[in-house]
PDB file of all heavy atoms in Angstrom:
ATOM      1  N   PHE A   1      37.619   6.091 -64.663  1.00  0.00           N
ATOM      2  CA  PHE A   1      38.465   5.868 -63.494  1.00  0.00           C
ATOM      3  C   PHE A   1      38.878   4.418 -63.300  1.00  0.00           C
ATOM      4  O   PHE A   1      39.500   4.077 -62.302  1.00  0.00           O
ATOM      5  CB  PHE A   1      37.762   6.395 -62.237  1.00  0.00           C
ATOM      6  CG  PHE A   1      37.307   7.824 -62.384  1.00  0.00           C
ATOM      7  CD1 PHE A   1      35.960   8.156 -62.379  1.00  0.00           C
ATOM      8  CD2 PHE A   1      38.231   8.842 -62.573  1.00  0.00           C
ATOM      9  CE1 PHE A   1      35.536   9.462 -62.532  1.00  0.00           C
ATOM     10  CE2 PHE A   1      37.815  10.163 -62.730  1.00  0.00           C
ATOM     11  CZ  PHE A   1      36.469  10.478 -62.713  1.00  0.00           C
ATOM     12  N   GLY A   2      38.548   3.555 -64.263  1.00  0.00           N
ATOM     13  CA  GLY A   2      39.062   2.192 -64.257  1.00  0.00           C
ATOM     14  C   GLY A   2      38.512   1.284 -63.188  1.00  0.00           C
ATOM     15  O   GLY A   2      39.172   0.300 -62.814  1.00  0.00           O
ATOM     16  N   VAL A   3      37.306   1.552 -62.680  1.00  0.00           N
ATOM     17  CA  VAL A   3      36.707   0.714 -61.646  1.00  0.00           C
ATOM     18  C   VAL A   3      35.938  -0.426 -62.311  1.00  0.00           C
ATOM     19  O   VAL A   3      35.065  -0.197 -63.150  1.00  0.00           O
ATOM     20  CB  VAL A   3      35.762   1.536 -60.744  1.00  0.00           C
ATOM     21  CG1 VAL A   3      35.034   0.628 -59.754  1.00  0.00           C
ATOM     22  CG2 VAL A   3      36.550   2.608 -59.997  1.00  0.00           C
ATOM     23  N   ASP A   4      36.254  -1.661 -61.944  1.00  0.00           N
ATOM     24  CA  ASP A   4      35.560  -2.836 -62.461  1.00  0.00           C
ATOM     25  C   ASP A   4      34.200  -2.935 -61.766  1.00  0.00           C
ATOM     26  O   ASP A   4      34.131  -3.139 -60.549  1.00  0.00           O
ATOM     27  CB  ASP A   4      36.395  -4.084 -62.186  1.00  0.00           C
ATOM     28  CG  ASP A   4      35.752  -5.367 -62.715  1.00  0.00           C
ATOM     29  OD1 ASP A   4      34.628  -5.297 -63.276  1.00  0.00           O
ATOM     30  OD2 ASP A   4      36.368  -6.435 -62.551  1.00  0.00           O
ATOM     31  N   LEU A   5      33.122  -2.804 -62.528  1.00  0.00           N
ATOM     32  CA  LEU A   5      31.785  -2.807 -61.927  1.00  0.00           C
ATOM     33  C   LEU A   5      31.439  -4.144 -61.298  1.00  0.00           C
ATOM     34  O   LEU A   5      30.633  -4.204 -60.364  1.00  0.00           O
ATOM     35  CB  LEU A   5      30.738  -2.441 -62.979  1.00  0.00           C
ATOM     36  CG  LEU A   5      30.888  -1.076 -63.661  1.00  0.00           C
ATOM     37  CD1 LEU A   5      29.691  -0.808 -64.565  1.00  0.00           C
ATOM     38  CD2 LEU A   5      31.053   0.055 -62.643  1.00  0.00           C
ATOM     39  N   THR A   6      32.040  -5.233 -61.790  1.00  0.00           N
ATOM     40  CA  THR A   6      31.744  -6.542 -61.209  1.00  0.00           C
ATOM     41  C   THR A   6      32.390  -6.706 -59.836  1.00  0.00           C
ATOM     42  O   THR A   6      31.995  -7.599 -59.072  1.00  0.00           O
ATOM     43  CB  THR A   6      32.220  -7.678 -62.131  1.00  0.00           C
ATOM     44  OG1 THR A   6      33.651  -7.643 -62.245  1.00  0.00           O
ATOM     45  CG2 THR A   6      31.593  -7.555 -63.510  1.00  0.00           C
ATOM     46  N   GLY A   7      33.353  -5.887 -59.514  1.00  0.00           N
ATOM     47  CA  GLY A   7      33.997  -5.978 -58.207  1.00  0.00           C
ATOM     48  C   GLY A   7      33.309  -5.173 -57.135  1.00  0.00           C
ATOM     49  O   GLY A   7      33.687  -5.239 -55.955  1.00  0.00           O
ATOM     50  N   VAL A   8      32.295  -4.405 -57.527  1.00  0.00           N
ATOM     51  CA  VAL A   8      31.571  -3.549 -56.573  1.00  0.00           C
ATOM     52  C   VAL A   8      30.414  -4.333 -55.965  1.00  0.00           C
ATOM     53  O   VAL A   8      29.736  -5.109 -56.648  1.00  0.00           O
ATOM     54  CB  VAL A   8      31.031  -2.293 -57.287  1.00  0.00           C
ATOM     55  CG1 VAL A   8      30.098  -1.496 -56.384  1.00  0.00           C
ATOM     56  CG2 VAL A   8      32.188  -1.425 -57.763  1.00  0.00           C
ATOM     57  N   THR A   9      30.181  -4.141 -54.674  1.00  0.00           N
ATOM     58  CA  THR A   9      28.980  -4.655 -54.023  1.00  0.00           C
ATOM     59  C   THR A   9      27.892  -3.596 -54.135  1.00  0.00           C
ATOM     60  O   THR A   9      27.989  -2.527 -53.525  1.00  0.00           O
ATOM     61  CB  THR A   9      29.248  -4.966 -52.536  1.00  0.00           C
ATOM     62  OG1 THR A   9      30.269  -5.954 -52.435  1.00  0.00           O
ATOM     63  CG2 THR A   9      27.982  -5.458 -51.849  1.00  0.00           C
ATOM     64  N   TRP A  10      26.871  -3.878 -54.955  1.00  0.00           N
ATOM     65  CA  TRP A  10      25.822  -2.893 -55.226  1.00  0.00           C
ATOM     66  C   TRP A  10      24.641  -3.118 -54.290  1.00  0.00           C
ATOM     67  O   TRP A  10      24.193  -4.247 -54.113  1.00  0.00           O
ATOM     68  CB  TRP A  10      25.349  -3.004 -56.677  1.00  0.00           C
ATOM     69  CG  TRP A  10      26.446  -2.732 -57.671  1.00  0.00           C
ATOM     70  CD1 TRP A  10      27.174  -3.650 -58.360  1.00  0.00           C
ATOM     71  CD2 TRP A  10      26.939  -1.442 -58.069  1.00  0.00           C
ATOM     72  NE1 TRP A  10      28.097  -3.024 -59.165  1.00  0.00           N
ATOM     73  CE2 TRP A  10      27.975  -1.672 -59.016  1.00  0.00           C
ATOM     74  CE3 TRP A  10      26.611  -0.134 -57.733  1.00  0.00           C
ATOM     75  CZ2 TRP A  10      28.670  -0.632 -59.612  1.00  0.00           C
ATOM     76  CZ3 TRP A  10      27.300   0.909 -58.329  1.00  0.00           C
ATOM     77  CH2 TRP A  10      28.315   0.656 -59.257  1.00  0.00           C
ATOM     78  N   VAL A  11      24.155  -2.025 -53.731  1.00  0.00           N
ATOM     79  CA  VAL A  11      23.015  -2.074 -52.811  1.00  0.00           C
ATOM     80  C   VAL A  11      21.949  -1.113 -53.325  1.00  0.00           C
ATOM     81  O   VAL A  11      22.227   0.064 -53.566  1.00  0.00           O
ATOM     82  CB  VAL A  11      23.428  -1.689 -51.372  1.00  0.00           C
ATOM     83  CG1 VAL A  11      22.215  -1.699 -50.444  1.00  0.00           C
ATOM     84  CG2 VAL A  11      24.505  -2.641 -50.859  1.00  0.00           C
ATOM     85  N   GLN A  12      20.734  -1.621 -53.504  1.00  0.00           N
ATOM     86  CA  GLN A  12      19.634  -0.810 -54.039  1.00  0.00           C
ATOM     87  C   GLN A  12      18.636  -0.493 -52.931  1.00  0.00           C
ATOM     88  O   GLN A  12      18.197  -1.375 -52.194  1.00  0.00           O
ATOM     89  CB  GLN A  12      18.934  -1.567 -55.173  1.00  0.00           C
ATOM     90  CG  GLN A  12      17.742  -0.844 -55.802  1.00  0.00           C
ATOM     91  CD  GLN A  12      16.425  -1.114 -55.093  1.00  0.00           C
ATOM     92  OE1 GLN A  12      16.148  -2.254 -54.702  1.00  0.00           O
ATOM     93  NE2 GLN A  12      15.617  -0.073 -54.912  1.00  0.00           N
ATOM     94  N   GLY A  13      18.278   0.800 -52.833  1.00  0.00           N
ATOM     95  CA  GLY A  13      17.310   1.188 -51.814  1.00  0.00           C
ATOM     96  C   GLY A  13      16.935   2.649 -51.933  1.00  0.00           C
ATOM     97  O   GLY A  13      17.426   3.382 -52.798  1.00  0.00           O
ATOM     98  N   GLY A  14      16.065   3.103 -51.051  1.00  0.00           N
ATOM     99  CA  GLY A  14      15.647   4.494 -51.029  1.00  0.00           C
ATOM    100  C   GLY A  14      16.766   5.404 -50.566  1.00  0.00           C
ATOM    101  O   GLY A  14      17.540   5.045 -49.678  1.00  0.00           O
ATOM    102  N   ILE A  15      16.847   6.580 -51.150  1.00  0.00           N
ATOM    103  CA  ILE A  15      17.934   7.501 -50.813  1.00  0.00           C
ATOM    104  C   ILE A  15      17.806   7.986 -49.372  1.00  0.00           C
ATOM    105  O   ILE A  15      18.731   7.838 -48.568  1.00  0.00           O
ATOM    106  CB  ILE A  15      17.957   8.700 -51.780  1.00  0.00           C
ATOM    107  CG1 ILE A  15      18.125   8.223 -53.222  1.00  0.00           C
ATOM    108  CG2 ILE A  15      19.086   9.676 -51.397  1.00  0.00           C
ATOM    109  CD1 ILE A  15      17.892   9.304 -54.260  1.00  0.00           C
ATOM    110  N   ASN A  16      16.663   8.551 -49.054  1.00  0.00           N
ATOM    111  CA  ASN A  16      16.448   9.105 -47.716  1.00  0.00           C
ATOM    112  C   ASN A  16      15.352   8.397 -46.936  1.00  0.00           C
ATOM    113  O   ASN A  16      15.158   8.671 -45.749  1.00  0.00           O
ATOM    114  CB  ASN A  16      16.126  10.595 -47.816  1.00  0.00           C
ATOM    115  CG  ASN A  16      17.321  11.409 -48.272  1.00  0.00           C
ATOM    116  OD1 ASN A  16      18.438  11.219 -47.792  1.00  0.00           O
ATOM    117  ND2 ASN A  16      17.108  12.301 -49.225  1.00  0.00           N
ATOM    118  N   GLU A  17      14.619   7.525 -47.598  1.00  0.00           N
ATOM    119  CA  GLU A  17      13.589   6.729 -46.943  1.00  0.00           C
ATOM    120  C   GLU A  17      13.739   5.287 -47.392  1.00  0.00           C
ATOM    121  O   GLU A  17      14.009   5.022 -48.565  1.00  0.00           O
ATOM    122  CB  GLU A  17      12.188   7.221 -47.327  1.00  0.00           C
ATOM    123  CG  GLU A  17      11.883   8.654 -46.939  1.00  0.00           C
ATOM    124  CD  GLU A  17      10.505   9.066 -47.445  1.00  0.00           C
ATOM    125  OE1 GLU A  17       9.507   8.643 -46.829  1.00  0.00           O
ATOM    126  OE2 GLU A  17      10.433   9.785 -48.450  1.00  0.00           O
ATOM    127  N   PRO A  18      13.555   4.330 -46.500  1.00  0.00           N
ATOM    128  CA  PRO A  18      13.660   2.928 -46.902  1.00  0.00           C
ATOM    129  C   PRO A  18      12.448   2.496 -47.717  1.00  0.00           C
ATOM    130  O   PRO A  18      11.390   3.138 -47.693  1.00  0.00           O
ATOM    131  CB  PRO A  18      13.717   2.185 -45.564  1.00  0.00           C
ATOM    132  CG  PRO A  18      13.029   3.092 -44.595  1.00  0.00           C
ATOM    133  CD  PRO A  18      13.327   4.498 -45.058  1.00  0.00           C
ATOM    134  N   GLY A  19      12.611   1.406 -48.466  1.00  0.00           N
ATOM    135  CA  GLY A  19      11.479   0.785 -49.132  1.00  0.00           C
ATOM    136  C   GLY A  19      11.393   0.972 -50.627  1.00  0.00           C
ATOM    137  O   GLY A  19      10.493   0.415 -51.265  1.00  0.00           O
ATOM    138  N   ARG A  20      12.299   1.725 -51.237  1.00  0.00           N
ATOM    139  CA  ARG A  20      12.224   1.912 -52.684  1.00  0.00           C
ATOM    140  C   ARG A  20      12.540   0.605 -53.400  1.00  0.00           C
ATOM    141  O   ARG A  20      13.434  -0.143 -53.003  1.00  0.00           O
ATOM    142  CB  ARG A  20      13.188   3.003 -53.125  1.00  0.00           C
ATOM    143  CG  ARG A  20      13.124   3.329 -54.622  1.00  0.00           C
ATOM    144  CD  ARG A  20      13.834   4.616 -54.928  1.00  0.00           C
ATOM    145  NE  ARG A  20      13.807   4.945 -56.352  1.00  0.00           N
ATOM    146  CZ  ARG A  20      14.194   6.118 -56.855  1.00  0.00           C
ATOM    147  NH1 ARG A  20      14.627   7.072 -56.050  1.00  0.00           N
ATOM    148  NH2 ARG A  20      14.146   6.340 -58.159  1.00  0.00           N
ATOM    149  N   ILE A  21      11.807   0.354 -54.499  1.00  0.00           N
ATOM    150  CA  ILE A  21      12.009  -0.863 -55.269  1.00  0.00           C
ATOM    151  C   ILE A  21      12.330  -0.501 -56.717  1.00  0.00           C
ATOM    152  O   ILE A  21      12.116   0.630 -57.147  1.00  0.00           O
ATOM    153  CB  ILE A  21      10.771  -1.782 -55.227  1.00  0.00           C
ATOM    154  CG1 ILE A  21       9.555  -1.073 -55.848  1.00  0.00           C
ATOM    155  CG2 ILE A  21      10.481  -2.233 -53.800  1.00  0.00           C
ATOM    156  CD1 ILE A  21       8.336  -1.949 -56.004  1.00  0.00           C
ATOM    157  N   GLU A  22      12.831  -1.485 -57.467  1.00  0.00           N
ATOM    158  CA  GLU A  22      13.056  -1.292 -58.895  1.00  0.00           C
ATOM    159  C   GLU A  22      11.701  -1.198 -59.599  1.00  0.00           C
ATOM    160  O   GLU A  22      10.845  -2.068 -59.432  1.00  0.00           O
ATOM    161  CB  GLU A  22      13.843  -2.459 -59.484  1.00  0.00           C
ATOM    162  CG  GLU A  22      15.316  -2.478 -59.120  1.00  0.00           C
ATOM    163  CD  GLU A  22      16.158  -1.530 -59.971  1.00  0.00           C
ATOM    164  OE1 GLU A  22      15.603  -0.930 -60.919  1.00  0.00           O
ATOM    165  OE2 GLU A  22      17.359  -1.413 -59.687  1.00  0.00           O
ATOM    166  N   THR A  23      11.517  -0.133 -60.399  1.00  0.00           N
ATOM    167  CA  THR A  23      10.247   0.066 -61.097  1.00  0.00           C
ATOM    168  C   THR A  23      10.091  -0.895 -62.265  1.00  0.00           C
ATOM    169  O   THR A  23       8.991  -1.342 -62.568  1.00  0.00           O
ATOM    170  CB  THR A  23      10.141   1.510 -61.602  1.00  0.00           C
ATOM    171  OG1 THR A  23      10.460   2.413 -60.541  1.00  0.00           O
ATOM    172  CG2 THR A  23       8.730   1.812 -62.077  1.00  0.00           C
ATOM    173  N   LEU A  24      11.189  -1.210 -62.937  1.00  0.00           N
ATOM    174  CA  LEU A  24      11.166  -2.114 -64.078  1.00  0.00           C
ATOM    175  C   LEU A  24      12.032  -3.338 -63.795  1.00  0.00           C
ATOM    176  O   LEU A  24      13.015  -3.249 -63.040  1.00  0.00           O
ATOM    177  CB  LEU A  24      11.703  -1.411 -65.334  1.00  0.00           C
ATOM    178  CG  LEU A  24      10.870  -0.270 -65.918  1.00  0.00           C
ATOM    179  CD1 LEU A  24      11.627   0.362 -67.081  1.00  0.00           C
ATOM    180  CD2 LEU A  24       9.507  -0.761 -66.367  1.00  0.00           C
ATOM    181  N   PRO A  25      11.699  -4.484 -64.388  1.00  0.00           N
ATOM    182  CA  PRO A  25      12.578  -5.654 -64.259  1.00  0.00           C
ATOM    183  C   PRO A  25      13.951  -5.346 -64.840  1.00  0.00           C
ATOM    184  O   PRO A  25      14.081  -4.601 -65.808  1.00  0.00           O
ATOM    185  CB  PRO A  25      11.859  -6.728 -65.087  1.00  0.00           C
ATOM    186  CG  PRO A  25      10.462  -6.248 -65.243  1.00  0.00           C
ATOM    187  CD  PRO A  25      10.510  -4.756 -65.212  1.00  0.00           C
ATOM    188  N   VAL A  26      14.976  -5.919 -64.230  1.00  0.00           N
ATOM    189  CA  VAL A  26      16.344  -5.634 -64.635  1.00  0.00           C
ATOM    190  C   VAL A  26      17.053  -6.923 -65.018  1.00  0.00           C
ATOM    191  O   VAL A  26      17.027  -7.904 -64.275  1.00  0.00           O
ATOM    192  CB  VAL A  26      17.129  -4.946 -63.493  1.00  0.00           C
ATOM    193  CG1 VAL A  26      18.555  -4.656 -63.936  1.00  0.00           C
ATOM    194  CG2 VAL A  26      16.438  -3.659 -63.074  1.00  0.00           C
ATOM    195  N   GLY A  27      17.693  -6.925 -66.198  1.00  0.00           N
ATOM    196  CA  GLY A  27      18.550  -8.032 -66.578  1.00  0.00           C
ATOM    197  C   GLY A  27      19.997  -7.618 -66.380  1.00  0.00           C
ATOM    198  O   GLY A  27      20.565  -6.887 -67.193  1.00  0.00           O
ATOM    199  N   LEU A  28      20.584  -8.042 -65.283  1.00  0.00           N
ATOM    200  CA  LEU A  28      21.926  -7.594 -64.935  1.00  0.00           C
ATOM    201  C   LEU A  28      22.985  -8.313 -65.759  1.00  0.00           C
ATOM    202  O   LEU A  28      22.830  -9.491 -66.104  1.00  0.00           O
ATOM    203  CB  LEU A  28      22.184  -7.840 -63.450  1.00  0.00           C
ATOM    204  CG  LEU A  28      21.285  -7.065 -62.484  1.00  0.00           C
ATOM    205  CD1 LEU A  28      21.503  -7.557 -61.055  1.00  0.00           C
ATOM    206  CD2 LEU A  28      21.557  -5.570 -62.574  1.00  0.00           C
ATOM    207  N   PRO A  29      24.086  -7.630 -66.083  1.00  0.00           N
ATOM    208  CA  PRO A  29      25.185  -8.282 -66.812  1.00  0.00           C
ATOM    209  C   PRO A  29      25.828  -9.379 -65.967  1.00  0.00           C
ATOM    210  O   PRO A  29      25.704  -9.391 -64.737  1.00  0.00           O
ATOM    211  CB  PRO A  29      26.170  -7.122 -67.056  1.00  0.00           C
ATOM    212  CG  PRO A  29      25.400  -5.873 -66.815  1.00  0.00           C
ATOM    213  CD  PRO A  29      24.352  -6.204 -65.818  1.00  0.00           C
ATOM    214  N   ASP A  30      26.514 -10.278 -66.636  1.00  0.00           N
ATOM    215  CA  ASP A  30      27.236 -11.326 -65.921  1.00  0.00           C
ATOM    216  C   ASP A  30      28.213 -10.711 -64.930  1.00  0.00           C
ATOM    217  O   ASP A  30      28.921  -9.748 -65.242  1.00  0.00           O
ATOM    218  CB  ASP A  30      28.006 -12.204 -66.911  1.00  0.00           C
ATOM    219  CG  ASP A  30      27.081 -13.052 -67.775  1.00  0.00           C
ATOM    220  OD1 ASP A  30      25.902 -13.215 -67.398  1.00  0.00           O
ATOM    221  OD2 ASP A  30      27.546 -13.527 -68.831  1.00  0.00           O
ATOM    222  N   GLY A  31      28.241 -11.278 -63.736  1.00  0.00           N
ATOM    223  CA  GLY A  31      29.184 -10.820 -62.714  1.00  0.00           C
ATOM    224  C   GLY A  31      28.673  -9.703 -61.839  1.00  0.00           C
ATOM    225  O   GLY A  31      29.338  -9.322 -60.865  1.00  0.00           O
ATOM    226  N   ILE A  32      27.496  -9.149 -62.165  1.00  0.00           N
ATOM    227  CA  ILE A  32      26.917  -8.059 -61.382  1.00  0.00           C
ATOM    228  C   ILE A  32      25.818  -8.605 -60.482  1.00  0.00           C
ATOM    229  O   ILE A  32      24.929  -9.330 -60.939  1.00  0.00           O
ATOM    230  CB  ILE A  32      26.321  -6.958 -62.285  1.00  0.00           C
ATOM    231  CG1 ILE A  32      27.402  -6.306 -63.140  1.00  0.00           C
ATOM    232  CG2 ILE A  32      25.572  -5.922 -61.458  1.00  0.00           C
ATOM    233  CD1 ILE A  32      28.317  -5.369 -62.398  1.00  0.00           C
ATOM    234  N   THR A  33      25.867  -8.262 -59.218  1.00  0.00           N
ATOM    235  CA  THR A  33      24.785  -8.584 -58.296  1.00  0.00           C
ATOM    236  C   THR A  33      24.368  -7.314 -57.574  1.00  0.00           C
ATOM    237  O   THR A  33      25.192  -6.444 -57.281  1.00  0.00           O
ATOM    238  CB  THR A  33      25.204  -9.642 -57.255  1.00  0.00           C
ATOM    239  OG1 THR A  33      26.348  -9.163 -56.523  1.00  0.00           O
ATOM    240  CG2 THR A  33      25.548 -10.960 -57.930  1.00  0.00           C
ATOM    241  N   VAL A  34      23.077  -7.207 -57.313  1.00  0.00           N
ATOM    242  CA  VAL A  34      22.535  -6.056 -56.602  1.00  0.00           C
ATOM    243  C   VAL A  34      21.703  -6.570 -55.424  1.00  0.00           C
ATOM    244  O   VAL A  34      20.774  -7.362 -55.618  1.00  0.00           O
ATOM    245  CB  VAL A  34      21.658  -5.183 -57.520  1.00  0.00           C
ATOM    246  CG1 VAL A  34      21.090  -3.990 -56.744  1.00  0.00           C
ATOM    247  CG2 VAL A  34      22.450  -4.691 -58.723  1.00  0.00           C
ATOM    248  N   ARG A  35      22.050  -6.105 -54.226  1.00  0.00           N
ATOM    249  CA  ARG A  35      21.310  -6.529 -53.033  1.00  0.00           C
ATOM    250  C   ARG A  35      20.278  -5.468 -52.672  1.00  0.00           C
ATOM    251  O   ARG A  35      20.626  -4.324 -52.411  1.00  0.00           O
ATOM    252  CB  ARG A  35      22.276  -6.725 -51.854  1.00  0.00           C
ATOM    253  CG  ARG A  35      21.559  -7.079 -50.542  1.00  0.00           C
ATOM    254  CD  ARG A  35      22.547  -7.350 -49.424  1.00  0.00           C
ATOM    255  NE  ARG A  35      23.304  -6.175 -49.037  1.00  0.00           N
ATOM    256  CZ  ARG A  35      22.864  -5.249 -48.180  1.00  0.00           C
ATOM    257  NH1 ARG A  35      21.664  -5.330 -47.655  1.00  0.00           N
ATOM    258  NH2 ARG A  35      23.640  -4.231 -47.855  1.00  0.00           N
ATOM    259  N   PRO A  36      19.001  -5.819 -52.644  1.00  0.00           N
ATOM    260  CA  PRO A  36      17.999  -4.844 -52.226  1.00  0.00           C
ATOM    261  C   PRO A  36      18.037  -4.620 -50.717  1.00  0.00           C
ATOM    262  O   PRO A  36      18.229  -5.559 -49.948  1.00  0.00           O
ATOM    263  CB  PRO A  36      16.677  -5.489 -52.660  1.00  0.00           C
ATOM    264  CG  PRO A  36      16.953  -6.956 -52.681  1.00  0.00           C
ATOM    265  CD  PRO A  36      18.398  -7.098 -53.071  1.00  0.00           C
ATOM    266  N   GLU A  37      17.878  -3.374 -50.307  1.00  0.00           N
ATOM    267  CA  GLU A  37      17.825  -3.008 -48.891  1.00  0.00           C
ATOM    268  C   GLU A  37      16.482  -2.324 -48.636  1.00  0.00           C
ATOM    269  O   GLU A  37      16.197  -1.269 -49.210  1.00  0.00           O
ATOM    270  CB  GLU A  37      18.984  -2.063 -48.542  1.00  0.00           C
ATOM    271  CG  GLU A  37      18.878  -1.424 -47.169  1.00  0.00           C
ATOM    272  CD  GLU A  37      18.827  -2.429 -46.035  1.00  0.00           C
ATOM    273  OE1 GLU A  37      19.737  -3.278 -45.951  1.00  0.00           O
ATOM    274  OE2 GLU A  37      17.864  -2.354 -45.234  1.00  0.00           O
ATOM    275  N   ARG A  38      15.650  -2.942 -47.801  1.00  0.00           N
ATOM    276  CA  ARG A  38      14.310  -2.419 -47.572  1.00  0.00           C
ATOM    277  C   ARG A  38      14.137  -1.771 -46.199  1.00  0.00           C
ATOM    278  O   ARG A  38      13.169  -1.039 -45.976  1.00  0.00           O
ATOM    279  CB  ARG A  38      13.290  -3.562 -47.689  1.00  0.00           C
ATOM    280  CG  ARG A  38      13.297  -4.243 -49.060  1.00  0.00           C
ATOM    281  CD  ARG A  38      12.719  -3.341 -50.135  1.00  0.00           C
ATOM    282  NE  ARG A  38      12.762  -3.986 -51.447  1.00  0.00           N
ATOM    283  CZ  ARG A  38      13.678  -3.728 -52.369  1.00  0.00           C
ATOM    284  NH1 ARG A  38      14.631  -2.827 -52.138  1.00  0.00           N
ATOM    285  NH2 ARG A  38      13.666  -4.355 -53.535  1.00  0.00           N
ATOM    286  N   GLN A  39      15.055  -2.025 -45.288  1.00  0.00           N
ATOM    287  CA  GLN A  39      14.849  -1.573 -43.906  1.00  0.00           C
ATOM    288  C   GLN A  39      15.484  -0.223 -43.609  1.00  0.00           C
ATOM    289  O   GLN A  39      14.998   0.520 -42.746  1.00  0.00           O
ATOM    290  CB  GLN A  39      15.415  -2.619 -42.933  1.00  0.00           C
ATOM    291  CG  GLN A  39      14.818  -4.003 -43.107  1.00  0.00           C
ATOM    292  CD  GLN A  39      13.305  -4.009 -42.997  1.00  0.00           C
ATOM    293  OE1 GLN A  39      12.735  -3.398 -42.088  1.00  0.00           O
ATOM    294  NE2 GLN A  39      12.646  -4.683 -43.938  1.00  0.00           N
ATOM    295  N   ARG A  40      16.572   0.114 -44.303  1.00  0.00           N
ATOM    296  CA  ARG A  40      17.278   1.376 -44.011  1.00  0.00           C
ATOM    297  C   ARG A  40      17.538   2.122 -45.316  1.00  0.00           C
ATOM    298  O   ARG A  40      17.647   1.519 -46.383  1.00  0.00           O
ATOM    299  CB  ARG A  40      18.596   1.094 -43.296  1.00  0.00           C
ATOM    300  CG  ARG A  40      18.435   0.635 -41.852  1.00  0.00           C
ATOM    301  CD  ARG A  40      19.772   0.234 -41.257  1.00  0.00           C
ATOM    302  NE  ARG A  40      20.289  -0.977 -41.895  1.00  0.00           N
ATOM    303  CZ  ARG A  40      21.508  -1.453 -41.718  1.00  0.00           C
ATOM    304  NH1 ARG A  40      22.365  -0.807 -40.932  1.00  0.00           N
ATOM    305  NH2 ARG A  40      21.891  -2.553 -42.322  1.00  0.00           N
ATOM    306  N   SER A  41      17.650   3.432 -45.207  1.00  0.00           N
ATOM    307  CA  SER A  41      17.938   4.273 -46.373  1.00  0.00           C
ATOM    308  C   SER A  41      19.416   4.207 -46.729  1.00  0.00           C
ATOM    309  O   SER A  41      20.267   3.835 -45.896  1.00  0.00           O
ATOM    310  CB  SER A  41      17.540   5.717 -46.094  1.00  0.00           C
ATOM    311  OG  SER A  41      18.395   6.278 -45.103  1.00  0.00           O
TER     312      SER A  41
END
């Protein structure tokens, strides 16, 4: 669908409950940022 992944604001968190974390360390590609969200699902 031609969506540039670097233009997306990525938010990481629990689907239905807050507090989920990344299980493994992540090396993100250049231009990608992921904001963790711990307070809300």
